[in-house]
Amino acid sequence: MAIRPHSEAPAPAPDRPAAGTGPVKGPVPGAGRRRWALVAAAGALAGALALESAVIAQPGPLPGPPAVLYLALAWWAVAALGTWLLVRAGSRRATVWLLLTGAVAVHVLAIGAGPRMSDDLYRYSWDGRVQAAGIDPYRHPTSSPELAHLRDDWLWPDDAACAEINRGPGCTRLNYPQAHTIYPPVAQAYFTAVHYLPGPPRENKVQLYGALVSLALTGLLVRVLAGRGHPVGYAAAYAWAPSAGLDAGMDAHVDVLAALFAVGACALLARRPAGPARPGRPWLRRPPRFGDADGTGIGGTRTQAGGARAQTGGAGAQTASGTAARVGVAAGALLGAAVAVKLYPALLLVAAARRRTLAVGGTAVAVVALSYLPHVLAVGPDVVGFLPRYLSVEGYQDGHRFLLLGLVGLSGTSAKLAAGVVLAGVAAAVWRADPARVSAELGALRLLGAAFLLATPAQPWYGIPLVALAVLARRPEWLAVAAAPYVLYMALFTDLALADRITRPGGYVVGALVVLGVSIARVSVRVRAGRRGASGRPARPGTGTTARTSTAASG
């Protein structure tokens, strides 16, 4: 180690080049810690895969014994630990390779077995088969005699196979066979595509394409995070977790397609203008020099280059406006497609359409309307399918599903009114928020997360878009809310260690407390950093003015 004389001023640290732009000479500060974090993340991945294998190995009909819940919650915890370690490891090439290798391994394990917690994929296969026969999927209920010629011994098994899945003689693997389908038109188009595409037989085919869509979502998350200069390790919060392995892989839920469309829309809306970039921060452009904005030099002297820029400024503004409009239309089309896969992504429109209401909102509405139009013309009001009965079965019509509101004495109509008022308040706050401080994905996350905490759904797979948005917004505390439905879902089907009055709302109580605690801590850090700046004291690394501005701009 070289000794520098006291009179010699320390040389400023050179800017480190971005990953892949050139070698870094000399030892890199913190390289050892990042290397060990990467090794530990590999261990966390091994733990996640072991827990996934244990979930697959559980016996019994769907959704399985209580051990499925305990293993799934442990899987969530290990995936969260792996995410933290990958973030600490930095966005190196080895980090990306470990992340993607783990994602592929999670999905390969998932498609090697049948569904674990849900039988919805059988409905997907049936709806695709009905459409391939030239019949509108909303026309007849599953048990209709008009569809009897489409039945086979897989979806309508014999008595012995019915006994294996804990159902009586003459059963079907489809849930609610007396009902029309509930899935919107873009989901129906996906089911039909899977029916025609090649692949393994029966449920493994649906799982294969669910896994491919899930891996596409993982790749998109990695690309967007890397493009914004954020640690790509955040993507492991989805790719290594039960949302990917269990919900999208084993159970092949179509919600992953809605999440893919929603993330694509948020990525488009957050695109930054092209220009000269700093190493490692491709969205940062050179700040304008004095006089650049109006083409004048120092002292008001108009330069030749400035005059040329002034002459072309109008054309440039028109081009930028046209590009923004096209981006808004594309984002709106993706959000409309997400709504036409599962209806609840409609909440995201509030956050996405703040600056481009017509381009984003209008296009989304048009896509949804056009997707439904052929079915409305064919079957009329039957296009609503199973939705009204679903709301009744799930307890939303009578207002008893709002579990957290029930803890404060609200139920029935009062719970529905309170949930509507609170959600409307969150929507108004998101709509009024500055998009430069609250990005589209952060606003969408807050809206969807609030809806989760108010409606307390029992279906864990509804959390796939929530997890994807949490990754994009880098708000991992919302993973606790996404994991909450696992507790409620298993409590509805199995006897857990604690009483139902504790377990059913318990997951959501924990999730709400985690989000509240982390949010308070985050605000507290920003307030302390602001006070240091106001008092003239140097802020600690990562909490000063520059860090606050960057955090706010990125949401």
Protein backbone atom coordinates (compact mmCIF):
# COMPACT_ATOMS: atom_id res chain seq x y z
CA MET A 1 0.00 0.00 0.00
CA ALA A 2 1.49 3.32 -1.08
CA ILE A 3 1.93 6.02 1.60
CA ARG A 4 0.93 9.51 0.47
CA PRO A 5 2.56 12.57 2.07
CA HIS A 6 0.25 14.60 4.26
CA SER A 7 0.60 17.59 1.96
CA GLU A 8 -0.67 15.63 -1.01
CA ALA A 9 -4.37 16.07 -1.61
CA PRO A 10 -6.28 12.88 -2.34
CA ALA A 11 -7.02 12.45 -6.00
CA PRO A 12 -10.69 12.32 -6.95
CA ALA A 13 -11.98 8.80 -7.58
CA PRO A 14 -12.41 8.18 -11.30
CA ASP A 15 -15.85 7.32 -12.62
CA ARG A 16 -16.28 3.59 -12.87
CA PRO A 17 -17.32 2.42 -16.31
CA ALA A 18 -20.62 0.69 -16.79
CA ALA A 19 -20.76 -3.07 -16.79
CA GLY A 20 -19.43 -4.43 -20.05
CA THR A 21 -17.82 -1.17 -21.22
CA GLY A 22 -14.27 -1.97 -20.21
CA PRO A 23 -12.05 -3.43 -17.52
CA VAL A 24 -11.64 -1.77 -14.17
CA LYS A 25 -7.99 -1.49 -13.23
CA GLY A 26 -6.99 -2.14 -9.64
CA PRO A 27 -9.09 -3.52 -6.79
CA VAL A 28 -12.76 -2.60 -6.85
CA PRO A 29 -14.07 -1.42 -3.44
CA GLY A 30 -16.58 -3.89 -2.03
CA ALA A 31 -15.84 -6.57 -4.65
CA GLY A 32 -15.27 -9.20 -1.98
CA ARG A 33 -18.58 -8.49 -0.27
CA ARG A 34 -20.43 -8.62 -3.56
CA ARG A 35 -18.75 -11.91 -4.44
CA TRP A 36 -19.78 -13.47 -1.15
CA ALA A 37 -23.31 -12.08 -1.57
CA LEU A 38 -23.50 -13.83 -4.93
CA VAL A 39 -22.32 -17.12 -3.42
CA ALA A 40 -24.90 -16.79 -0.62
CA ALA A 41 -27.60 -16.01 -3.21
CA ALA A 42 -26.74 -19.27 -4.96
CA GLY A 43 -27.33 -21.02 -1.64
CA ALA A 44 -30.68 -19.27 -1.28
CA LEU A 45 -31.62 -20.44 -4.77
CA ALA A 46 -30.79 -24.02 -3.78
CA GLY A 47 -33.02 -23.61 -0.74
CA ALA A 48 -35.88 -22.25 -2.86
CA LEU A 49 -35.61 -25.18 -5.26
CA ALA A 50 -35.58 -27.64 -2.35
CA LEU A 51 -38.73 -26.07 -0.90
CA GLU A 52 -40.39 -26.12 -4.31
CA SER A 53 -39.61 -29.84 -4.63
CA ALA A 54 -41.11 -30.41 -1.19
CA VAL A 55 -44.28 -28.57 -2.21
CA ILE A 56 -44.57 -30.77 -5.31
CA ALA A 57 -44.08 -33.92 -3.25
CA GLN A 58 -47.00 -33.25 -0.90
CA PRO A 59 -49.74 -35.89 -1.19
CA GLY A 60 -53.49 -35.63 -1.47
CA PRO A 61 -56.03 -33.87 -3.68
CA LEU A 62 -55.86 -30.14 -4.32
CA PRO A 63 -54.79 -28.00 -2.56
CA GLY A 64 -53.01 -30.53 -0.36
CA PRO A 65 -52.26 -30.77 3.37
CA PRO A 66 -51.33 -27.84 5.65
CA ALA A 67 -47.66 -28.56 4.94
CA VAL A 68 -48.17 -26.97 1.50
CA LEU A 69 -48.83 -23.63 3.20
CA TYR A 70 -45.90 -23.85 5.58
CA LEU A 71 -43.53 -24.84 2.77
CA ALA A 72 -44.85 -22.08 0.50
CA LEU A 73 -44.35 -19.43 3.20
CA ALA A 74 -40.81 -20.69 3.80
CA TRP A 75 -40.27 -20.53 0.04
CA TRP A 76 -41.38 -16.88 0.06
CA ALA A 77 -38.93 -16.10 2.87
CA VAL A 78 -36.00 -17.80 1.13
CA ALA A 79 -36.82 -16.07 -2.18
CA ALA A 80 -36.89 -12.70 -0.38
CA LEU A 81 -33.50 -13.47 1.17
CA GLY A 82 -32.12 -14.44 -2.24
CA THR A 83 -33.44 -11.19 -3.69
CA TRP A 84 -31.69 -9.14 -1.00
CA LEU A 85 -28.43 -10.98 -1.62
CA LEU A 86 -28.65 -10.54 -5.39
CA VAL A 87 -29.27 -6.81 -4.96
CA ARG A 88 -26.17 -6.58 -2.75
CA ALA A 89 -24.20 -8.55 -5.35
CA GLY A 90 -24.76 -5.76 -7.89
CA SER A 91 -25.80 -5.97 -11.53
CA ARG A 92 -22.84 -7.97 -12.73
CA ARG A 93 -22.95 -10.53 -15.51
CA ALA A 94 -22.70 -13.34 -12.96
CA THR A 95 -25.69 -11.92 -11.11
CA VAL A 96 -27.80 -11.94 -14.27
CA TRP A 97 -26.73 -15.47 -15.13
CA LEU A 98 -27.55 -16.75 -11.63
CA LEU A 99 -30.90 -14.98 -11.65
CA LEU A 100 -31.95 -16.35 -15.03
CA THR A 101 -30.58 -19.84 -14.36
CA GLY A 102 -32.58 -19.93 -11.15
CA ALA A 103 -35.70 -18.74 -12.96
CA VAL A 104 -35.42 -21.49 -15.56
CA ALA A 105 -34.80 -24.12 -12.84
CA VAL A 106 -37.87 -22.97 -10.88
CA HIS A 107 -40.07 -23.32 -13.95
CA VAL A 108 -38.60 -26.63 -15.11
CA LEU A 109 -39.40 -28.12 -11.72
CA ALA A 110 -42.89 -26.66 -11.85
CA ILE A 111 -43.96 -28.17 -15.18
CA GLY A 112 -42.74 -31.63 -14.27
CA ALA A 113 -45.79 -32.29 -12.05
CA GLY A 114 -49.51 -31.59 -12.06
CA PRO A 115 -51.24 -28.57 -10.53
CA ARG A 116 -50.70 -28.06 -6.81
CA MET A 117 -53.27 -25.63 -5.36
CA SER A 118 -55.80 -24.91 -8.11
CA ASP A 119 -57.61 -26.72 -10.92
CA ASP A 120 -58.23 -23.65 -13.09
CA LEU A 121 -55.95 -24.91 -15.86
CA TYR A 122 -58.53 -27.59 -16.68
CA ARG A 123 -61.00 -24.82 -17.45
CA TYR A 124 -58.38 -23.19 -19.68
CA SER A 125 -58.01 -26.40 -21.68
CA TRP A 126 -61.77 -26.83 -21.95
CA ASP A 127 -62.41 -23.26 -23.11
CA GLY A 128 -59.69 -23.64 -25.75
CA ARG A 129 -61.25 -26.88 -26.95
CA VAL A 130 -64.72 -25.31 -27.16
CA GLN A 131 -63.44 -22.42 -29.24
CA ALA A 132 -61.45 -24.73 -31.50
CA ALA A 133 -64.77 -26.47 -32.25
CA GLY A 134 -66.17 -23.16 -33.49
CA ILE A 135 -68.42 -22.54 -30.46
CA ASP A 136 -68.42 -19.28 -28.55
CA PRO A 137 -67.09 -20.02 -25.03
CA TYR A 138 -69.77 -17.83 -23.42
CA ARG A 139 -72.72 -19.57 -25.10
CA HIS A 140 -73.10 -22.75 -23.03
CA PRO A 141 -72.23 -23.84 -19.50
CA THR A 142 -69.68 -26.64 -19.23
CA SER A 143 -72.26 -29.33 -18.45
CA SER A 144 -74.52 -28.38 -21.38
CA PRO A 145 -75.63 -31.32 -23.59
CA GLU A 146 -74.62 -29.25 -26.63
CA LEU A 147 -70.99 -29.70 -25.56
CA ALA A 148 -71.17 -33.40 -24.65
CA HIS A 149 -69.40 -34.45 -27.86
CA LEU A 150 -66.27 -32.53 -26.75
CA ARG A 151 -65.79 -34.46 -23.50
CA ASP A 152 -62.98 -36.97 -23.00
CA ASP A 153 -61.73 -39.27 -20.26
CA TRP A 154 -59.17 -36.70 -19.09
CA LEU A 155 -61.51 -33.86 -18.13
CA TRP A 156 -64.38 -36.30 -17.44
CA PRO A 157 -62.56 -39.18 -15.73
CA ASP A 158 -63.97 -42.55 -14.74
CA ASP A 159 -65.17 -43.34 -11.23
CA ALA A 160 -61.75 -44.55 -10.03
CA ALA A 161 -60.04 -41.35 -11.19
CA CYS A 162 -62.84 -39.31 -9.61
CA ALA A 163 -62.14 -40.99 -6.29
CA GLU A 164 -58.46 -40.10 -6.57
CA ILE A 165 -59.32 -36.40 -6.78
CA ASN A 166 -61.83 -36.71 -3.91
CA ARG A 167 -64.93 -36.35 -6.09
CA GLY A 168 -67.95 -38.51 -6.65
CA PRO A 169 -68.77 -40.75 -9.63
CA GLY A 170 -69.44 -38.96 -12.91
CA CYS A 171 -67.27 -36.01 -11.90
CA THR A 172 -65.37 -33.55 -14.01
CA ARG A 173 -62.02 -31.93 -13.27
CA LEU A 174 -63.49 -28.51 -14.07
CA ASN A 175 -64.73 -26.33 -11.24
CA TYR A 176 -68.30 -24.98 -11.39
CA PRO A 177 -69.38 -27.19 -14.31
CA GLN A 178 -72.90 -25.74 -14.24
CA ALA A 179 -71.59 -22.24 -14.94
CA HIS A 180 -70.50 -20.33 -18.02
CA THR A 181 -66.84 -19.37 -18.29
CA ILE A 182 -65.68 -16.25 -16.45
CA TYR A 183 -62.51 -15.46 -18.39
CA PRO A 184 -62.41 -12.34 -20.63
CA PRO A 185 -61.76 -12.46 -24.41
CA VAL A 186 -57.96 -12.02 -24.54
CA ALA A 187 -57.62 -14.85 -22.03
CA GLN A 188 -59.89 -16.91 -24.28
CA ALA A 189 -57.67 -16.16 -27.26
CA TYR A 190 -54.67 -17.38 -25.22
CA PHE A 191 -56.50 -20.62 -24.34
CA THR A 192 -57.25 -21.21 -28.00
CA ALA A 193 -53.65 -20.55 -28.99
CA VAL A 194 -52.41 -23.04 -26.39
CA HIS A 195 -54.90 -25.61 -27.72
CA TYR A 196 -53.42 -25.36 -31.22
CA LEU A 197 -49.75 -25.03 -30.26
CA PRO A 198 -47.57 -28.15 -29.96
CA GLY A 199 -46.47 -29.44 -26.59
CA PRO A 200 -46.73 -32.24 -24.04
CA PRO A 201 -50.13 -33.80 -23.32
CA ARG A 202 -52.85 -32.61 -20.99
CA GLU A 203 -52.04 -30.33 -18.07
CA ASN A 204 -48.32 -30.28 -18.80
CA LYS A 205 -49.01 -28.43 -22.04
CA VAL A 206 -50.86 -25.64 -20.25
CA GLN A 207 -48.08 -25.53 -17.67
CA LEU A 208 -45.43 -25.30 -20.38
CA TYR A 209 -46.92 -22.19 -21.95
CA GLY A 210 -47.67 -20.65 -18.56
CA ALA A 211 -43.99 -21.14 -17.70
CA LEU A 212 -42.89 -19.59 -21.00
CA VAL A 213 -45.03 -16.51 -20.38
CA SER A 214 -43.65 -16.33 -16.85
CA LEU A 215 -40.07 -16.49 -18.11
CA ALA A 216 -40.91 -13.74 -20.62
CA LEU A 217 -42.14 -11.64 -17.68
CA THR A 218 -38.89 -12.34 -15.82
CA GLY A 219 -36.84 -11.31 -18.85
CA LEU A 220 -38.83 -8.10 -19.23
CA LEU A 221 -38.35 -7.21 -15.57
CA VAL A 222 -34.61 -7.78 -15.86
CA ARG A 223 -34.38 -5.69 -19.02
CA VAL A 224 -36.36 -2.78 -17.60
CA LEU A 225 -34.45 -2.76 -14.32
CA ALA A 226 -31.11 -2.90 -16.12
CA GLY A 227 -32.15 -0.18 -18.56
CA ARG A 228 -32.96 2.13 -15.67
CA GLY A 229 -29.70 1.40 -13.88
CA HIS A 230 -31.37 -0.43 -10.99
CA PRO A 231 -30.13 -3.73 -9.53
CA VAL A 232 -31.50 -6.59 -11.60
CA GLY A 233 -31.54 -8.76 -8.47
CA TYR A 234 -34.96 -7.35 -7.59
CA ALA A 235 -36.42 -9.58 -10.31
CA ALA A 236 -35.70 -12.64 -8.15
CA ALA A 237 -38.56 -11.53 -5.89
CA TYR A 238 -40.78 -12.83 -8.67
CA ALA A 239 -38.65 -15.34 -10.58
CA TRP A 240 -37.55 -17.40 -7.55
CA ALA A 241 -40.77 -17.10 -5.57
CA PRO A 242 -44.04 -19.09 -5.43
CA SER A 243 -45.71 -16.55 -7.71
CA ALA A 244 -43.56 -17.86 -10.56
CA GLY A 245 -43.00 -21.47 -9.54
CA LEU A 246 -46.37 -22.34 -8.01
CA ASP A 247 -48.96 -19.93 -9.40
CA ALA A 248 -47.62 -19.41 -12.93
CA GLY A 249 -45.71 -22.70 -13.28
CA MET A 250 -47.50 -25.54 -11.49
CA ASP A 251 -51.00 -24.04 -11.66
CA ALA A 252 -50.41 -22.12 -14.95
CA HIS A 253 -52.66 -19.22 -14.01
CA VAL A 254 -53.38 -16.80 -16.83
CA ASP A 255 -52.81 -13.86 -14.47
CA VAL A 256 -49.15 -14.03 -15.51
CA LEU A 257 -50.18 -12.90 -19.01
CA ALA A 258 -51.98 -9.90 -17.52
CA ALA A 259 -48.84 -9.10 -15.51
CA LEU A 260 -46.71 -9.29 -18.66
CA PHE A 261 -48.95 -6.78 -20.44
CA ALA A 262 -49.09 -4.48 -17.40
CA VAL A 263 -45.30 -4.42 -16.95
CA GLY A 264 -44.86 -3.76 -20.66
CA ALA A 265 -47.20 -0.77 -20.42
CA CYS A 266 -45.39 0.66 -17.39
CA ALA A 267 -42.05 0.19 -19.15
CA LEU A 268 -43.28 2.16 -22.14
CA LEU A 269 -44.68 4.97 -20.02
CA ALA A 270 -41.38 5.33 -18.15
CA ARG A 271 -39.20 5.47 -21.27
CA ARG A 272 -36.74 8.35 -21.09
CA PRO A 273 -35.64 10.47 -24.00
CA ALA A 274 -32.60 9.32 -25.94
CA GLY A 275 -29.40 11.27 -25.73
CA PRO A 276 -25.77 11.20 -24.59
CA ALA A 277 -25.67 9.08 -21.45
CA ARG A 278 -23.33 8.76 -18.52
CA PRO A 279 -21.71 5.39 -17.93
CA GLY A 280 -24.04 3.11 -16.01
CA ARG A 281 -26.91 5.64 -16.18
CA PRO A 282 -28.15 5.59 -19.77
CA TRP A 283 -31.11 7.85 -19.14
CA LEU A 284 -29.06 10.81 -17.88
CA ARG A 285 -28.46 13.40 -20.56
CA ARG A 286 -25.94 16.24 -20.53
CA PRO A 287 -27.51 19.16 -18.67
CA PRO A 288 -28.07 22.19 -20.92
CA ARG A 289 -25.45 24.92 -20.74
CA PHE A 290 -26.41 28.51 -20.15
CA GLY A 291 -28.21 29.78 -23.23
CA ASP A 292 -28.89 26.36 -24.79
CA ALA A 293 -32.63 26.55 -24.21
CA ASP A 294 -33.25 29.63 -26.38
CA GLY A 295 -30.22 29.52 -28.63
CA THR A 296 -28.44 32.45 -27.02
CA GLY A 297 -24.92 32.51 -25.65
CA ILE A 298 -23.59 34.19 -22.54
CA GLY A 299 -24.79 37.77 -22.29
CA GLY A 300 -27.71 37.19 -24.67
CA THR A 301 -25.61 36.90 -27.84
CA ARG A 302 -27.38 34.57 -30.24
CA THR A 303 -25.03 31.92 -31.60
CA GLN A 304 -25.21 30.35 -35.04
CA ALA A 305 -25.85 26.91 -33.58
CA GLY A 306 -28.43 28.35 -31.24
CA GLY A 307 -30.24 29.98 -34.14
CA ALA A 308 -30.31 26.70 -36.01
CA ARG A 309 -31.72 24.99 -32.97
CA ALA A 310 -34.36 27.64 -32.59
CA GLN A 311 -35.43 27.18 -36.23
CA THR A 312 -35.74 23.43 -35.80
CA GLY A 313 -37.25 23.62 -32.33
CA GLY A 314 -40.82 23.58 -33.59
CA ALA A 315 -40.26 20.48 -35.69
CA GLY A 316 -38.51 18.78 -32.79
CA ALA A 317 -41.40 19.56 -30.46
CA GLN A 318 -43.87 18.14 -32.96
CA THR A 319 -41.79 14.98 -33.33
CA ALA A 320 -41.57 14.55 -29.55
CA SER A 321 -45.32 15.08 -29.22
CA GLY A 322 -46.01 12.49 -31.90
CA THR A 323 -43.68 10.00 -30.25
CA ALA A 324 -45.33 10.54 -26.86
CA ALA A 325 -48.74 9.96 -28.42
CA ARG A 326 -47.63 6.72 -30.06
CA VAL A 327 -46.08 5.51 -26.81
CA GLY A 328 -49.32 6.35 -24.99
CA VAL A 329 -51.40 4.42 -27.52
CA ALA A 330 -49.09 1.40 -27.29
CA ALA A 331 -49.19 1.47 -23.47
CA GLY A 332 -52.96 1.83 -23.54
CA ALA A 333 -53.27 -1.15 -25.88
CA LEU A 334 -51.17 -3.29 -23.52
CA LEU A 335 -53.21 -2.22 -20.49
CA GLY A 336 -56.43 -2.92 -22.39
CA ALA A 337 -55.12 -6.39 -23.19
CA ALA A 338 -54.29 -6.91 -19.49
CA VAL A 339 -57.85 -5.94 -18.53
CA ALA A 340 -59.21 -8.34 -21.17
CA VAL A 341 -57.17 -11.15 -19.57
CA LYS A 342 -58.28 -10.50 -15.98
CA LEU A 343 -60.56 -7.58 -15.16
CA TYR A 344 -58.81 -6.27 -12.04
CA PRO A 345 -55.84 -4.64 -13.93
CA ALA A 346 -58.38 -1.92 -14.81
CA LEU A 347 -57.22 -0.31 -11.55
CA LEU A 348 -53.87 0.40 -13.16
CA LEU A 349 -55.42 2.80 -15.67
CA VAL A 350 -55.69 5.49 -13.01
CA ALA A 351 -51.91 5.54 -12.58
CA ALA A 352 -51.08 5.09 -16.26
CA ALA A 353 -53.41 7.66 -17.80
CA ARG A 354 -52.51 10.70 -15.68
CA ARG A 355 -50.67 12.65 -18.36
CA ARG A 356 -52.04 10.96 -21.47
CA THR A 357 -55.66 10.36 -20.59
CA LEU A 358 -56.96 10.02 -24.13
CA ALA A 359 -54.03 8.12 -25.60
CA VAL A 360 -53.70 5.63 -22.73
CA GLY A 361 -57.19 5.46 -21.26
CA GLY A 362 -59.05 5.80 -24.54
CA THR A 363 -56.97 3.13 -26.26
CA ALA A 364 -57.34 0.74 -23.33
CA VAL A 365 -61.13 1.13 -23.33
CA ALA A 366 -61.20 0.64 -27.10
CA VAL A 367 -59.15 -2.57 -26.89
CA VAL A 368 -61.42 -4.01 -24.20
CA ALA A 369 -64.56 -3.05 -26.11
CA LEU A 370 -63.30 -4.48 -29.40
CA SER A 371 -62.27 -7.73 -27.73
CA TYR A 372 -65.75 -8.20 -26.30
CA LEU A 373 -67.67 -7.02 -29.40
CA PRO A 374 -67.72 -10.33 -31.37
CA HIS A 375 -68.91 -12.23 -28.29
CA VAL A 376 -71.59 -9.66 -27.47
CA LEU A 377 -72.88 -9.94 -31.02
CA ALA A 378 -72.87 -13.74 -30.74
CA VAL A 379 -74.36 -14.36 -27.28
CA GLY A 380 -75.54 -11.01 -25.95
CA PRO A 381 -75.61 -10.53 -22.15
CA ASP A 382 -74.33 -14.08 -21.54
CA VAL A 383 -70.88 -12.64 -22.15
CA VAL A 384 -70.66 -11.70 -18.46
CA GLY A 385 -70.37 -15.43 -17.80
CA PHE A 386 -69.83 -16.61 -14.24
CA LEU A 387 -68.85 -13.18 -12.88
CA PRO A 388 -72.05 -12.31 -10.92
CA ARG A 389 -72.15 -15.72 -9.27
CA TYR A 390 -68.43 -15.53 -8.56
CA LEU A 391 -68.88 -12.26 -6.66
CA SER A 392 -71.64 -13.89 -4.63
CA VAL A 393 -69.69 -17.08 -3.90
CA GLU A 394 -66.64 -15.09 -2.81
CA GLY A 395 -68.71 -12.98 -0.40
CA TYR A 396 -68.42 -9.62 -2.14
CA GLN A 397 -72.12 -9.11 -2.84
CA ASP A 398 -73.08 -9.48 0.81
CA GLY A 399 -69.94 -7.64 2.00
CA HIS A 400 -68.46 -10.39 4.18
CA ARG A 401 -65.20 -10.92 2.30
CA PHE A 402 -63.60 -7.63 3.49
CA LEU A 403 -61.68 -9.31 6.31
CA LEU A 404 -59.55 -6.38 7.50
CA LEU A 405 -62.57 -4.10 7.59
CA GLY A 406 -64.38 -6.81 9.54
CA LEU A 407 -61.73 -6.55 12.25
CA VAL A 408 -62.84 -2.96 12.91
CA GLY A 409 -66.52 -3.91 13.01
CA LEU A 410 -67.53 -3.25 9.41
CA SER A 411 -69.44 -5.83 7.40
CA GLY A 412 -72.18 -6.01 4.81
CA THR A 413 -73.13 -2.74 3.15
CA SER A 414 -71.00 -0.64 5.49
CA ALA A 415 -67.90 -2.66 4.53
CA LYS A 416 -68.61 -2.24 0.82
CA LEU A 417 -69.11 1.50 1.23
CA ALA A 418 -65.96 1.88 3.30
CA ALA A 419 -63.91 -0.13 0.81
CA GLY A 420 -65.23 1.98 -2.06
CA VAL A 421 -64.48 5.26 -0.28
CA VAL A 422 -60.94 4.24 0.70
CA LEU A 423 -60.11 2.91 -2.75
CA ALA A 424 -61.51 6.06 -4.35
CA GLY A 425 -59.31 8.13 -2.03
CA VAL A 426 -56.20 6.16 -3.01
CA ALA A 427 -57.13 6.51 -6.68
CA ALA A 428 -57.55 10.30 -6.29
CA ALA A 429 -54.18 10.58 -4.54
CA VAL A 430 -52.47 8.60 -7.30
CA TRP A 431 -54.19 10.63 -10.00
CA ARG A 432 -53.10 13.93 -8.45
CA ALA A 433 -49.53 12.78 -7.78
CA ASP A 434 -46.73 14.19 -9.90
CA PRO A 435 -45.69 11.45 -12.39
CA ALA A 436 -42.09 12.62 -11.98
CA ARG A 437 -42.24 11.60 -8.31
CA VAL A 438 -44.76 8.75 -8.40
CA SER A 439 -44.09 6.63 -11.46
CA ALA A 440 -46.77 4.65 -13.28
CA GLU A 441 -45.70 1.38 -11.69
CA LEU A 442 -45.53 2.87 -8.18
CA GLY A 443 -48.97 4.43 -8.51
CA ALA A 444 -50.34 1.17 -9.94
CA LEU A 445 -48.72 -0.78 -7.09
CA ARG A 446 -50.33 1.45 -4.48
CA LEU A 447 -53.75 1.10 -6.11
CA LEU A 448 -53.57 -2.65 -6.58
CA GLY A 449 -52.06 -3.14 -3.13
CA ALA A 450 -54.82 -1.06 -1.54
CA ALA A 451 -57.41 -3.13 -3.40
CA PHE A 452 -55.81 -6.30 -2.04
CA LEU A 453 -55.88 -5.06 1.54
CA LEU A 454 -59.49 -3.94 1.20
CA ALA A 455 -60.94 -6.87 -0.76
CA THR A 456 -58.67 -9.54 0.84
CA PRO A 457 -59.03 -12.06 -2.02
CA ALA A 458 -58.41 -15.72 -1.25
CA GLN A 459 -56.72 -16.55 -4.56
CA PRO A 460 -52.92 -16.36 -4.28
CA TRP A 461 -52.45 -16.13 -8.05
CA TYR A 462 -54.15 -12.72 -8.09
CA GLY A 463 -50.90 -11.49 -6.58
CA ILE A 464 -48.79 -12.16 -9.69
CA PRO A 465 -49.28 -8.61 -11.10
CA LEU A 466 -48.79 -7.19 -7.61
CA VAL A 467 -45.41 -8.91 -7.28
CA ALA A 468 -44.35 -7.80 -10.77
CA LEU A 469 -45.22 -4.18 -9.99
CA ALA A 470 -43.40 -4.41 -6.63
CA VAL A 471 -40.29 -5.59 -8.48
CA LEU A 472 -40.55 -2.81 -11.05
CA ALA A 473 -41.11 -0.14 -8.39
CA ARG A 474 -38.47 -1.68 -6.08
CA ARG A 475 -40.89 -1.93 -3.17
CA PRO A 476 -40.27 -5.45 -1.82
CA GLU A 477 -42.39 -4.84 1.28
CA TRP A 478 -45.48 -5.52 -0.85
CA LEU A 479 -44.38 -9.15 -1.18
CA ALA A 480 -45.85 -9.66 2.29
CA VAL A 481 -49.27 -8.66 0.94
CA ALA A 482 -48.85 -10.93 -2.09
CA ALA A 483 -48.09 -13.86 0.22
CA ALA A 484 -51.13 -13.19 2.45
CA PRO A 485 -53.75 -14.99 0.28
CA TYR A 486 -51.88 -18.29 0.68
CA VAL A 487 -52.86 -18.34 4.35
CA LEU A 488 -56.52 -17.52 3.66
CA TYR A 489 -56.77 -19.96 0.74
CA MET A 490 -55.39 -22.91 2.68
CA ALA A 491 -57.51 -22.01 5.73
CA LEU A 492 -60.62 -22.39 3.56
CA PHE A 493 -59.73 -25.96 2.62
CA THR A 494 -57.66 -27.41 5.48
CA ASP A 495 -57.43 -27.25 9.26
CA LEU A 496 -54.41 -25.16 10.22
CA ALA A 497 -52.66 -24.93 13.56
CA LEU A 498 -54.58 -21.81 14.63
CA ALA A 499 -58.30 -21.06 14.64
CA ASP A 500 -59.93 -19.74 11.46
CA ARG A 501 -60.76 -16.40 13.07
CA ILE A 502 -56.99 -15.85 13.39
CA THR A 503 -55.62 -17.49 10.27
CA ARG A 504 -58.08 -16.17 7.71
CA PRO A 505 -57.35 -12.45 8.24
CA GLY A 506 -53.93 -13.13 9.78
CA GLY A 507 -51.92 -13.12 6.56
CA TYR A 508 -53.36 -9.78 5.50
CA VAL A 509 -52.81 -8.30 8.96
CA VAL A 510 -49.13 -9.21 8.78
CA GLY A 511 -48.86 -7.91 5.20
CA ALA A 512 -50.48 -4.59 6.11
CA LEU A 513 -48.18 -4.17 9.12
CA VAL A 514 -45.08 -4.89 7.03
CA VAL A 515 -46.07 -2.32 4.39
CA LEU A 516 -46.95 0.25 7.05
CA GLY A 517 -43.74 -0.29 8.99
CA VAL A 518 -41.46 -0.09 5.95
CA SER A 519 -43.30 2.98 4.65
CA ILE A 520 -42.89 4.78 7.97
CA ALA A 521 -39.20 3.86 8.06
CA ARG A 522 -38.71 5.11 4.50
CA VAL A 523 -40.40 8.45 5.25
CA SER A 524 -38.38 8.77 8.46
CA VAL A 525 -35.10 8.32 6.58
CA ARG A 526 -36.08 10.98 4.05
CA VAL A 527 -37.12 13.42 6.77
CA ARG A 528 -33.83 12.98 8.64
CA ALA A 529 -31.89 13.41 5.41
CA GLY A 530 -33.80 16.62 4.70
CA ARG A 531 -33.01 18.00 8.12
CA ARG A 532 -29.31 17.28 7.67
CA GLY A 533 -29.38 19.12 4.37
CA ALA A 534 -31.21 22.09 5.89
CA SER A 535 -28.74 22.32 8.77
CA GLY A 536 -25.74 22.22 6.44
CA ARG A 537 -24.42 18.94 7.83
CA PRO A 538 -23.26 16.39 5.29
CA ALA A 539 -25.80 13.67 4.68
CA ARG A 540 -24.88 10.05 5.08
CA PRO A 541 -24.23 8.18 1.85
CA GLY A 542 -27.43 7.36 0.04
CA THR A 543 -29.59 9.78 2.07
CA GLY A 544 -28.54 13.17 0.76
CA THR A 545 -30.27 15.48 -1.66
CA THR A 546 -29.02 13.71 -4.75
CA ALA A 547 -30.20 10.33 -3.48
CA ARG A 548 -33.61 11.73 -2.56
CA THR A 549 -34.07 13.31 -5.96
CA SER A 550 -33.10 10.12 -7.76
CA THR A 551 -35.44 8.05 -5.62
CA ALA A 552 -38.32 10.39 -6.16
CA ALA A 553 -37.82 10.53 -9.89
CA SER A 554 -37.73 6.78 -10.20
CA GLY A 555 -40.77 6.29 -7.96
